[in-house]
Amino acid sequence: MRIVIAGAGAVGTHLAKLLSQENQDVILMDTDRERLNFSSNLEMITMVGSSTSLKDLNEIDIKNTDLFIGVTPDESVNITSCMLAANMGAKKTFARIDNFEYLLPKNKDFFDKLGINAMVYPEMLAAKEIVSAVKRPWARLWVELFGGAIILVGVKIRENATLANKYLYDLNQDKKRFHIVAIKRNNTTIIPKGNHQILPNDILFFCTTQEFVKEIPDITGKQNFDVKNIMIMGGSRIAIRTSQYLPDDVHIKLLESDKEKCHKLLEKVPKNVTIFNDDGRNTDFLLQEGITDMDAFIAVTGNSEANILACMAAKQFGVKKTVAEVENMDYIAMAESLDIGTVINKRLITVNNIYRFLLNADVSNIKSLTFANADVAEITARPNSLITKKEIKNLTLPKNTSLGGLIRNGEPMLIDGNTQVEAYDNVVVFCLNDAIRDIEKLFN
């Protein structure tokens, strides 16, 4: 597939490297030569040029491009670039945007006619992930699949958990209530077998259903609790969206160090938000404003280090749930080792959405799991595909993959070795290290 990426920022560069590893024909363009001078031994073409220049688009042979992706920091440039690329022959286009209105269903046909096939608003998706994390503070990860019929939930195992120190083959279930698809131990994610032991401080990834998900906190040594008091550090667009998506009965204190920005925030946040002009790393101020009474602390400034440090401080003050925006990929593992509850990364969120366009299987949803270096996908089994030929235990699944559950005729069911996937089953697939490319061959 021939792919042109406009914008060599964090998202564009990460996506270009990912696709180059998969032997895609990638061209990365940017107006700034310095942004293209990154060290990489991957095969890709870089070009100094403007994605809104007809001359530059012709030079990269846009008419023979399968997918054009506009991910510059400027929304208007991305929209214009996609329109030009589509009208000059690009088969599909994808734009990064900053305007929620563009995503409303009523506007889809309008943008289709302009030649823009899909759009992503990273800040909006990040805010939704934060709200989901706050609603279920006992979970490290919560992903609803197939409209919530099957749930993937990641939970850290406490010393007092009933699962602690048990082997997977000991977890006999008369009626299968959950399936452990992966174990994160230190910085390594494992696709477990029956002889794997569950240890305290492991993060377990469960596939389960709405019926049984309420049992997960008990067996992992966790307690669920309502989050009613939240402190947010940073008046970013993510913070604004998060405050808008949270319930009205939640009390929110939003801290922003820029005084002028505070005045602008007053016009954008709901009435249940109180804005303070101060730095969230100011210990005296945090104590004065009741950090010890907070149920959750959310750090979403543009500084990854500050967000991690602020969440660590909040933990020290007894806040049970912390969420940190960590855009520096090198810091994600550190945030995990420091017991930061939930990590948000806009770069991965954006790449997830674009990645769906590049899969051949019937994938309705794919999500990259920041902590686990893994993907979870919803894939439809096509008639006569290899996955439908034998029971799971008799199939040779690609390395680093696990099947968690499926939907058959509208009914959710969890998968074990005796399960045989049927045509048109919708299956939850957990994959490590970009193995999604290998697993899709079984479903086609």
Protein backbone atom coordinates (compact mmCIF):
# COMPACT_ATOMS: atom_id res chain seq x y z
CA MET A 1 0.00 0.00 0.00
CA ARG A 2 1.29 3.46 -0.91
CA ILE A 3 0.77 5.88 1.98
CA VAL A 4 1.57 9.59 2.16
CA ILE A 5 1.76 11.17 5.63
CA ALA A 6 1.71 14.96 5.88
CA GLY A 7 3.20 16.18 9.16
CA ALA A 8 6.41 14.88 10.73
CA GLY A 9 5.41 15.67 14.30
CA ALA A 10 5.08 13.08 17.06
CA VAL A 11 2.02 11.39 15.48
CA GLY A 12 3.24 11.45 11.89
CA THR A 13 6.72 10.18 12.71
CA HIS A 14 5.44 7.40 14.97
CA LEU A 15 2.94 6.28 12.34
CA ALA A 16 5.52 6.40 9.53
CA LYS A 17 7.95 4.24 11.51
CA LEU A 18 5.21 1.75 12.40
CA LEU A 19 4.06 1.39 8.79
CA SER A 20 7.63 1.15 7.47
CA GLN A 21 8.20 -1.82 9.76
CA GLU A 22 5.30 -3.51 7.98
CA ASN A 23 6.92 -2.92 4.59
CA GLN A 24 4.35 -0.36 3.51
CA ASP A 25 5.43 2.16 0.87
CA VAL A 26 5.57 5.28 3.08
CA ILE A 27 6.29 8.90 2.15
CA LEU A 28 6.58 11.36 5.05
CA MET A 29 6.44 15.04 4.14
CA ASP A 30 6.83 18.23 6.16
CA THR A 31 7.67 21.87 5.50
CA ASP A 32 10.40 21.79 8.17
CA ARG A 33 13.55 19.95 7.11
CA GLU A 34 14.68 19.57 10.74
CA ARG A 35 11.64 17.46 11.60
CA LEU A 36 12.62 14.95 8.93
CA ASN A 37 16.15 14.52 10.29
CA PHE A 38 15.30 11.75 12.75
CA SER A 39 17.53 8.71 13.07
CA SER A 40 15.91 5.71 11.43
CA ASN A 41 17.16 2.68 9.56
CA LEU A 42 13.68 2.03 8.22
CA GLU A 43 12.84 2.23 4.55
CA MET A 44 10.73 5.30 3.94
CA ILE A 45 10.91 8.38 1.73
CA THR A 46 11.02 11.81 3.34
CA MET A 47 10.25 15.01 1.47
CA VAL A 48 10.51 18.67 2.39
CA GLY A 49 7.32 20.14 1.00
CA SER A 50 3.84 21.47 1.68
CA SER A 51 0.80 19.21 1.61
CA THR A 52 -1.28 22.18 0.38
CA SER A 53 1.00 22.76 -2.63
CA LEU A 54 -0.29 21.30 -5.89
CA LYS A 55 3.28 21.14 -7.18
CA ASP A 56 4.52 19.19 -4.15
CA LEU A 57 1.53 16.81 -4.22
CA ASN A 58 2.17 16.10 -7.89
CA GLU A 59 5.84 15.53 -7.13
CA ILE A 60 5.00 12.73 -4.69
CA ASP A 61 2.64 11.20 -7.29
CA ILE A 62 -0.51 11.74 -5.23
CA LYS A 63 -2.72 10.28 -7.98
CA ASN A 64 -1.29 6.81 -7.30
CA THR A 65 -1.59 7.04 -3.51
CA ASP A 66 -3.80 4.55 -1.63
CA LEU A 67 -4.07 6.55 1.60
CA PHE A 68 -3.27 10.19 2.37
CA ILE A 69 -3.00 11.10 6.07
CA GLY A 70 -2.97 14.72 7.27
CA VAL A 71 -1.61 14.93 10.82
CA THR A 72 0.05 18.34 10.96
CA PRO A 73 -0.64 20.48 14.08
CA ASP A 74 -2.90 22.73 11.97
CA GLU A 75 -6.44 21.42 11.45
CA SER A 76 -7.10 23.67 8.45
CA VAL A 77 -3.95 22.40 6.71
CA ASN A 78 -5.05 18.79 7.28
CA ILE A 79 -8.56 19.42 5.94
CA THR A 80 -7.31 21.32 2.89
CA SER A 81 -4.60 18.73 2.20
CA CYS A 82 -7.10 15.87 2.26
CA MET A 83 -9.46 17.72 -0.07
CA LEU A 84 -6.64 18.38 -2.54
CA ALA A 85 -5.27 14.84 -2.30
CA ALA A 86 -8.70 13.28 -2.88
CA ASN A 87 -9.45 15.46 -5.88
CA MET A 88 -6.02 14.70 -7.33
CA GLY A 89 -6.55 10.94 -7.15
CA ALA A 90 -5.75 9.64 -3.64
CA LYS A 91 -8.07 6.70 -2.93
CA LYS A 92 -8.68 7.44 0.79
CA THR A 93 -7.89 10.33 3.12
CA PHE A 94 -7.69 10.75 6.88
CA ALA A 95 -7.46 14.06 8.76
CA ARG A 96 -6.51 14.98 12.31
CA ILE A 97 -8.89 17.69 13.56
CA ASP A 98 -9.57 19.88 16.60
CA ASN A 99 -13.28 20.54 16.07
CA PHE A 100 -15.82 18.15 17.56
CA GLU A 101 -18.56 19.53 15.28
CA TYR A 102 -16.90 17.91 12.26
CA LEU A 103 -17.48 14.46 13.77
CA LEU A 104 -21.25 14.80 14.19
CA PRO A 105 -23.09 12.13 12.14
CA LYS A 106 -25.10 14.79 10.30
CA ASN A 107 -21.86 16.15 8.80
CA LYS A 108 -20.45 12.85 7.53
CA ASP A 109 -21.94 13.10 4.01
CA PHE A 110 -20.72 16.69 3.75
CA PHE A 111 -17.11 15.72 4.39
CA ASP A 112 -17.39 12.60 2.21
CA LYS A 113 -18.32 14.85 -0.70
CA LEU A 114 -15.26 16.97 0.03
CA GLY A 115 -13.12 13.83 -0.21
CA ILE A 116 -12.41 13.38 3.50
CA ASN A 117 -13.13 9.77 4.41
CA ALA A 118 -12.32 9.82 8.11
CA MET A 119 -11.23 12.18 10.89
CA VAL A 120 -9.84 11.87 14.39
CA TYR A 121 -9.98 14.34 17.27
CA PRO A 122 -7.31 13.01 19.69
CA GLU A 123 -8.22 15.29 22.60
CA MET A 124 -11.83 14.15 22.53
CA LEU A 125 -10.86 10.46 22.52
CA ALA A 126 -8.34 11.06 25.32
CA ALA A 127 -11.02 12.77 27.41
CA LYS A 128 -13.38 9.84 26.93
CA GLU A 129 -10.68 7.43 28.11
CA ILE A 130 -10.10 9.56 31.20
CA VAL A 131 -13.80 9.61 32.03
CA SER A 132 -13.96 5.83 31.61
CA ALA A 133 -10.97 5.44 33.98
CA VAL A 134 -12.59 7.68 36.60
CA LYS A 135 -15.90 5.81 36.45
CA ARG A 136 -14.09 2.54 37.26
CA PRO A 137 -11.20 3.58 39.51
CA TRP A 138 -10.30 -0.01 40.45
CA ALA A 139 -9.31 -0.81 36.84
CA ARG A 140 -6.12 0.11 35.02
CA LEU A 141 -7.80 -0.46 31.68
CA TRP A 142 -11.41 -0.73 30.54
CA VAL A 143 -12.31 -1.43 26.92
CA GLU A 144 -15.89 -2.11 25.86
CA LEU A 145 -16.06 -4.33 22.79
CA PHE A 146 -19.03 -4.99 20.55
CA GLY A 147 -21.04 -2.24 22.18
CA GLY A 148 -20.18 -3.40 25.70
CA ALA A 149 -21.25 -7.05 25.28
CA ILE A 150 -17.66 -8.13 26.00
CA ILE A 151 -15.28 -6.17 28.22
CA LEU A 152 -11.50 -6.22 28.38
CA VAL A 153 -10.39 -5.03 31.80
CA GLY A 154 -6.87 -4.70 33.16
CA VAL A 155 -6.40 -4.89 36.95
CA LYS A 156 -3.35 -4.88 39.20
CA ILE A 157 -3.32 -7.86 41.56
CA ARG A 158 -3.01 -7.04 45.26
CA GLU A 159 -1.43 -9.25 47.94
CA ASN A 160 -4.87 -10.03 49.39
CA ALA A 161 -6.39 -11.08 46.04
CA THR A 162 -7.93 -14.54 45.86
CA LEU A 163 -6.11 -15.03 42.55
CA ALA A 164 -2.68 -14.19 43.99
CA ASN A 165 -0.11 -17.02 43.73
CA LYS A 166 -2.52 -19.33 41.92
CA TYR A 167 -1.77 -21.09 38.65
CA LEU A 168 -4.11 -20.60 35.72
CA TYR A 169 -4.94 -24.31 35.61
CA ASP A 170 -6.25 -23.95 39.20
CA LEU A 171 -8.94 -21.52 38.10
CA ASN A 172 -11.58 -24.07 37.23
CA GLN A 173 -14.87 -22.42 36.33
CA ASP A 174 -18.06 -24.46 36.10
CA LYS A 175 -19.52 -21.59 34.13
CA LYS A 176 -16.79 -19.63 32.42
CA ARG A 177 -16.92 -16.12 33.92
CA PHE A 178 -13.68 -14.68 32.58
CA HIS A 179 -10.71 -15.47 30.39
CA ILE A 180 -7.23 -14.15 31.24
CA VAL A 181 -5.77 -13.13 27.88
CA ALA A 182 -2.51 -11.59 29.12
CA ILE A 183 -0.35 -10.90 32.17
CA LYS A 184 1.83 -7.79 32.48
CA ARG A 185 4.74 -8.47 34.83
CA ASN A 186 7.24 -5.67 35.38
CA ASN A 187 7.80 -4.41 31.81
CA THR A 188 6.93 -7.67 30.04
CA THR A 189 3.53 -8.76 28.74
CA ILE A 190 2.92 -12.51 28.63
CA ILE A 191 0.32 -14.51 26.72
CA PRO A 192 -0.25 -17.06 29.51
CA LYS A 193 -0.68 -20.82 29.47
CA GLY A 194 -2.15 -23.04 32.17
CA ASN A 195 1.16 -23.41 34.01
CA HIS A 196 1.62 -19.65 34.47
CA GLN A 197 1.37 -18.43 38.07
CA ILE A 198 -0.37 -15.17 39.01
CA LEU A 199 1.81 -13.05 41.29
CA PRO A 200 1.03 -9.97 43.40
CA ASN A 201 1.59 -6.73 41.43
CA ASP A 202 0.90 -8.47 38.10
CA ILE A 203 -1.53 -6.63 35.85
CA LEU A 204 -4.06 -9.16 34.56
CA PHE A 205 -6.07 -8.55 31.41
CA PHE A 206 -9.48 -10.23 31.67
CA CYS A 207 -12.03 -10.79 28.94
CA THR A 208 -15.46 -11.03 30.52
CA THR A 209 -19.11 -10.09 30.06
CA GLN A 210 -21.39 -7.50 31.64
CA GLU A 211 -22.87 -10.29 33.75
CA PHE A 212 -19.60 -11.20 35.46
CA VAL A 213 -17.46 -8.04 35.32
CA LYS A 214 -18.71 -6.98 38.76
CA GLU A 215 -16.85 -9.99 40.24
CA ILE A 216 -13.44 -8.82 39.03
CA PRO A 217 -12.71 -6.28 41.83
CA ASP A 218 -13.28 -8.92 44.53
CA ILE A 219 -11.01 -11.58 43.06
CA THR A 220 -8.22 -9.07 42.37
CA GLY A 221 -8.25 -7.55 45.86
CA LYS A 222 -9.76 -4.22 44.82
CA GLN A 223 -12.61 -2.10 46.15
CA ASN A 224 -14.89 -0.10 43.92
CA PHE A 225 -15.83 3.42 45.01
CA ASP A 226 -17.66 6.43 43.61
CA VAL A 227 -15.54 9.33 42.40
CA LYS A 228 -17.24 12.60 43.41
CA ASN A 229 -14.30 14.97 43.95
CA ILE A 230 -11.71 15.44 41.21
CA MET A 231 -8.70 17.72 40.81
CA ILE A 232 -7.42 18.38 37.27
CA MET A 233 -3.99 19.89 36.63
CA GLY A 234 -3.67 21.79 33.35
CA GLY A 235 -6.23 23.78 31.40
CA SER A 236 -5.68 21.90 28.14
CA ARG A 237 -8.28 20.91 25.57
CA ILE A 238 -8.26 17.44 27.12
CA ALA A 239 -9.09 19.00 30.50
CA ILE A 240 -11.95 21.01 29.00
CA ARG A 241 -13.43 17.97 27.23
CA THR A 242 -13.00 15.79 30.32
CA SER A 243 -14.88 18.28 32.51
CA GLN A 244 -17.66 18.43 29.92
CA TYR A 245 -18.01 14.63 29.75
CA LEU A 246 -17.98 14.00 33.51
CA PRO A 247 -21.36 13.85 35.32
CA ASP A 248 -22.82 17.11 36.64
CA ASP A 249 -22.78 15.86 40.25
CA VAL A 250 -18.97 15.54 40.26
CA HIS A 251 -17.11 18.44 41.91
CA ILE A 252 -14.09 19.47 39.85
CA LYS A 253 -11.19 21.74 40.78
CA LEU A 254 -9.15 22.74 37.73
CA LEU A 255 -5.64 24.15 38.26
CA GLU A 256 -4.00 26.32 35.58
CA SER A 257 -0.80 28.34 36.09
CA ASP A 258 -1.49 30.79 33.20
CA LYS A 259 -3.74 33.59 34.46
CA GLU A 260 -4.96 34.65 31.02
CA LYS A 261 -5.83 31.06 30.18
CA CYS A 262 -7.86 30.82 33.39
CA HIS A 263 -10.15 33.63 32.21
CA LYS A 264 -10.74 31.85 28.89
CA LEU A 265 -11.47 28.57 30.65
CA LEU A 266 -14.34 30.17 32.57
CA GLU A 267 -16.28 30.40 29.29
CA LYS A 268 -15.69 26.77 28.31
CA VAL A 269 -16.15 24.58 31.39
CA PRO A 270 -19.43 23.50 33.09
CA LYS A 271 -20.76 25.09 36.28
CA ASN A 272 -19.50 22.25 38.46
CA VAL A 273 -15.88 23.28 37.71
CA THR A 274 -13.96 25.73 39.92
CA ILE A 275 -10.84 27.21 38.33
CA PHE A 276 -7.70 28.09 40.31
CA ASN A 277 -4.73 30.06 39.04
CA ASP A 278 -1.93 27.98 40.53
CA ASP A 279 0.54 25.18 39.79
CA GLY A 280 -0.54 21.64 40.64
CA ARG A 281 2.98 20.91 41.89
CA ASN A 282 2.61 23.51 44.68
CA THR A 283 2.26 21.28 47.75
CA ASP A 284 1.00 24.02 50.06
CA PHE A 285 -1.69 24.98 47.59
CA LEU A 286 -2.77 21.37 47.09
CA LEU A 287 -3.19 20.90 50.82
CA GLN A 288 -5.06 24.18 51.13
CA GLU A 289 -7.49 23.13 48.41
CA GLY A 290 -8.16 19.72 49.92
CA ILE A 291 -6.02 17.29 47.93
CA THR A 292 -6.45 14.76 50.74
CA ASP A 293 -10.22 14.76 50.15
CA MET A 294 -9.95 14.09 46.40
CA ASP A 295 -11.11 10.79 44.94
CA ALA A 296 -9.13 11.29 41.72
CA PHE A 297 -6.30 13.46 40.39
CA ILE A 298 -5.88 14.04 36.63
CA ALA A 299 -2.71 15.63 35.19
CA VAL A 300 -3.06 16.75 31.57
CA THR A 301 -0.51 19.53 31.06
CA GLY A 302 1.73 19.44 27.99
CA ASN A 303 4.64 18.28 30.15
CA SER A 304 4.87 14.50 30.67
CA GLU A 305 7.37 14.77 33.52
CA ALA A 306 5.21 17.28 35.40
CA ASN A 307 2.16 15.06 34.97
CA ILE A 308 3.94 12.00 36.34
CA LEU A 309 5.42 13.89 39.30
CA ALA A 310 2.07 15.49 40.14
CA CYS A 311 0.34 12.09 40.14
CA MET A 312 3.06 10.68 42.40
CA ALA A 313 2.50 13.55 44.82
CA ALA A 314 -1.27 12.99 44.72
CA LYS A 315 -0.69 9.32 45.59
CA GLN A 316 1.41 10.40 48.57
CA PHE A 317 -1.52 12.51 49.77
CA GLY A 318 -3.80 9.47 49.64
CA VAL A 319 -5.61 10.02 46.32
CA LYS A 320 -6.71 6.55 45.19
CA LYS A 321 -7.04 7.17 41.45
CA THR A 322 -4.56 9.12 39.33
CA VAL A 323 -4.47 9.69 35.57
CA ALA A 324 -1.49 11.14 33.70
CA GLU A 325 -1.14 12.29 30.11
CA VAL A 326 2.25 10.97 29.02
CA GLU A 327 3.19 11.93 25.46
CA ASN A 328 6.86 11.03 25.81
CA MET A 329 6.92 7.35 24.84
CA ASP A 330 10.11 6.76 26.86
CA TYR A 331 8.27 7.67 30.07
CA ILE A 332 5.34 5.28 29.73
CA ALA A 333 7.17 2.32 31.28
CA MET A 334 8.44 4.58 34.07
CA ALA A 335 4.90 5.76 34.81
CA GLU A 336 3.85 2.12 35.13
CA SER A 337 6.71 1.27 37.49
CA LEU A 338 5.80 4.28 39.64
CA ASP A 339 2.23 2.95 39.98
CA ILE A 340 0.56 5.75 38.03
CA GLY A 341 -2.97 4.40 37.64
CA THR A 342 -3.94 5.27 34.07
CA VAL A 343 -1.71 6.65 31.31
CA ILE A 344 -3.13 8.58 28.35
CA ASN A 345 -1.15 9.03 25.12
CA LYS A 346 -2.70 11.05 22.29
CA ARG A 347 -0.16 9.77 19.78
CA LEU A 348 -1.24 6.16 20.23
CA ILE A 349 -4.91 7.10 20.25
CA THR A 350 -4.53 8.81 16.88
CA VAL A 351 -2.49 6.00 15.37
CA ASN A 352 -5.13 3.46 16.49
CA ASN A 353 -7.80 5.18 14.49
CA ILE A 354 -5.70 5.44 11.36
CA TYR A 355 -4.51 1.85 11.67
CA ARG A 356 -8.02 0.50 11.13
CA PHE A 357 -7.84 1.70 7.54
CA LEU A 358 -4.84 -0.49 6.85
CA LEU A 359 -6.24 -3.89 7.83
CA ASN A 360 -7.68 -6.32 5.31
CA ALA A 361 -9.80 -8.30 7.76
CA ASP A 362 -13.25 -7.16 8.85
CA VAL A 363 -11.99 -5.13 11.79
CA SER A 364 -14.60 -2.85 13.33
CA ASN A 365 -12.41 -1.64 16.16
CA ILE A 366 -8.77 -1.80 17.14
CA LYS A 367 -7.23 -0.26 20.23
CA SER A 368 -3.60 -0.02 21.24
CA LEU A 369 -3.00 -0.77 24.92
CA THR A 370 -0.36 1.67 26.14
CA PHE A 371 0.84 -0.32 29.15
CA ALA A 372 0.87 -3.71 27.45
CA ASN A 373 2.51 -2.87 24.11
CA ALA A 374 -0.43 -4.73 22.62
CA ASP A 375 -3.53 -4.36 20.47
CA VAL A 376 -7.03 -5.60 21.08
CA ALA A 377 -9.27 -5.92 18.04
CA GLU A 378 -12.79 -6.92 17.05
CA ILE A 379 -12.50 -9.17 13.98
CA THR A 380 -15.23 -10.90 11.97
CA ALA A 381 -14.51 -14.46 10.82
CA ARG A 382 -15.16 -14.76 7.10
CA PRO A 383 -16.71 -17.93 5.61
CA ASN A 384 -14.15 -20.68 4.89
CA SER A 385 -11.42 -18.82 6.79
CA LEU A 386 -8.80 -20.91 8.59
CA ILE A 387 -10.07 -19.83 12.03
CA THR A 388 -13.37 -21.67 11.35
CA LYS A 389 -11.80 -25.03 10.40
CA LYS A 390 -10.90 -26.46 13.83
CA GLU A 391 -11.36 -26.06 17.55
CA ILE A 392 -9.07 -23.43 19.07
CA LYS A 393 -6.89 -26.04 20.82
CA ASN A 394 -6.17 -27.68 17.43
CA LEU A 395 -5.27 -24.45 15.63
CA THR A 396 -1.76 -23.07 15.36
CA LEU A 397 -2.32 -19.48 16.41
CA PRO A 398 0.34 -16.90 15.58
CA LYS A 399 2.83 -16.26 18.36
CA ASN A 400 1.84 -13.59 20.89
CA THR A 401 -1.91 -13.80 20.24
CA SER A 402 -4.86 -14.79 22.39
CA LEU A 403 -8.58 -15.06 21.64
CA GLY A 404 -10.73 -13.76 24.48
CA GLY A 405 -14.40 -13.98 23.54
CA LEU A 406 -16.86 -13.74 20.67
CA ILE A 407 -20.34 -12.64 19.70
CA ARG A 408 -22.48 -15.23 17.92
CA ASN A 409 -26.00 -14.32 16.81
CA GLY A 410 -25.95 -11.39 19.19
CA GLU A 411 -24.93 -13.48 22.24
CA PRO A 412 -21.57 -13.02 23.99
CA MET A 413 -19.50 -16.06 24.95
CA LEU A 414 -15.98 -16.53 26.29
CA ILE A 415 -13.46 -18.65 24.43
CA ASP A 416 -11.59 -21.74 25.65
CA GLY A 417 -9.69 -24.52 23.91
CA ASN A 418 -12.86 -26.38 22.94
CA THR A 419 -14.43 -23.38 21.19
CA GLN A 420 -14.78 -23.55 17.42
CA VAL A 421 -15.22 -20.19 15.71
CA GLU A 422 -17.99 -20.09 13.11
CA ALA A 423 -18.39 -17.91 10.04
CA TYR A 424 -19.54 -14.38 10.91
CA ASP A 425 -18.61 -14.75 14.58
CA ASN A 426 -17.23 -11.45 15.90
CA VAL A 427 -14.09 -12.33 17.85
CA VAL A 428 -12.00 -10.44 20.43
CA VAL A 429 -8.32 -10.84 19.57
CA PHE A 430 -5.47 -9.79 21.89
CA CYS A 431 -2.11 -9.34 20.12
CA LEU A 432 1.40 -8.40 21.19
CA ASN A 433 4.06 -6.69 19.08
CA ASP A 434 1.91 -5.83 16.05
CA ALA A 435 0.84 -9.48 15.59
CA ILE A 436 -2.53 -8.23 14.30
CA ARG A 437 -1.15 -8.58 10.77
CA ASP A 438 -0.54 -12.28 11.32
CA ILE A 439 -3.84 -13.04 13.03
CA GLU A 440 -5.91 -11.37 10.31
CA LYS A 441 -4.74 -14.01 7.83
CA LEU A 442 -6.66 -16.62 9.85
CA PHE A 443 -9.88 -14.61 9.56
CA ASN A 444 -9.75 -13.83 5.82
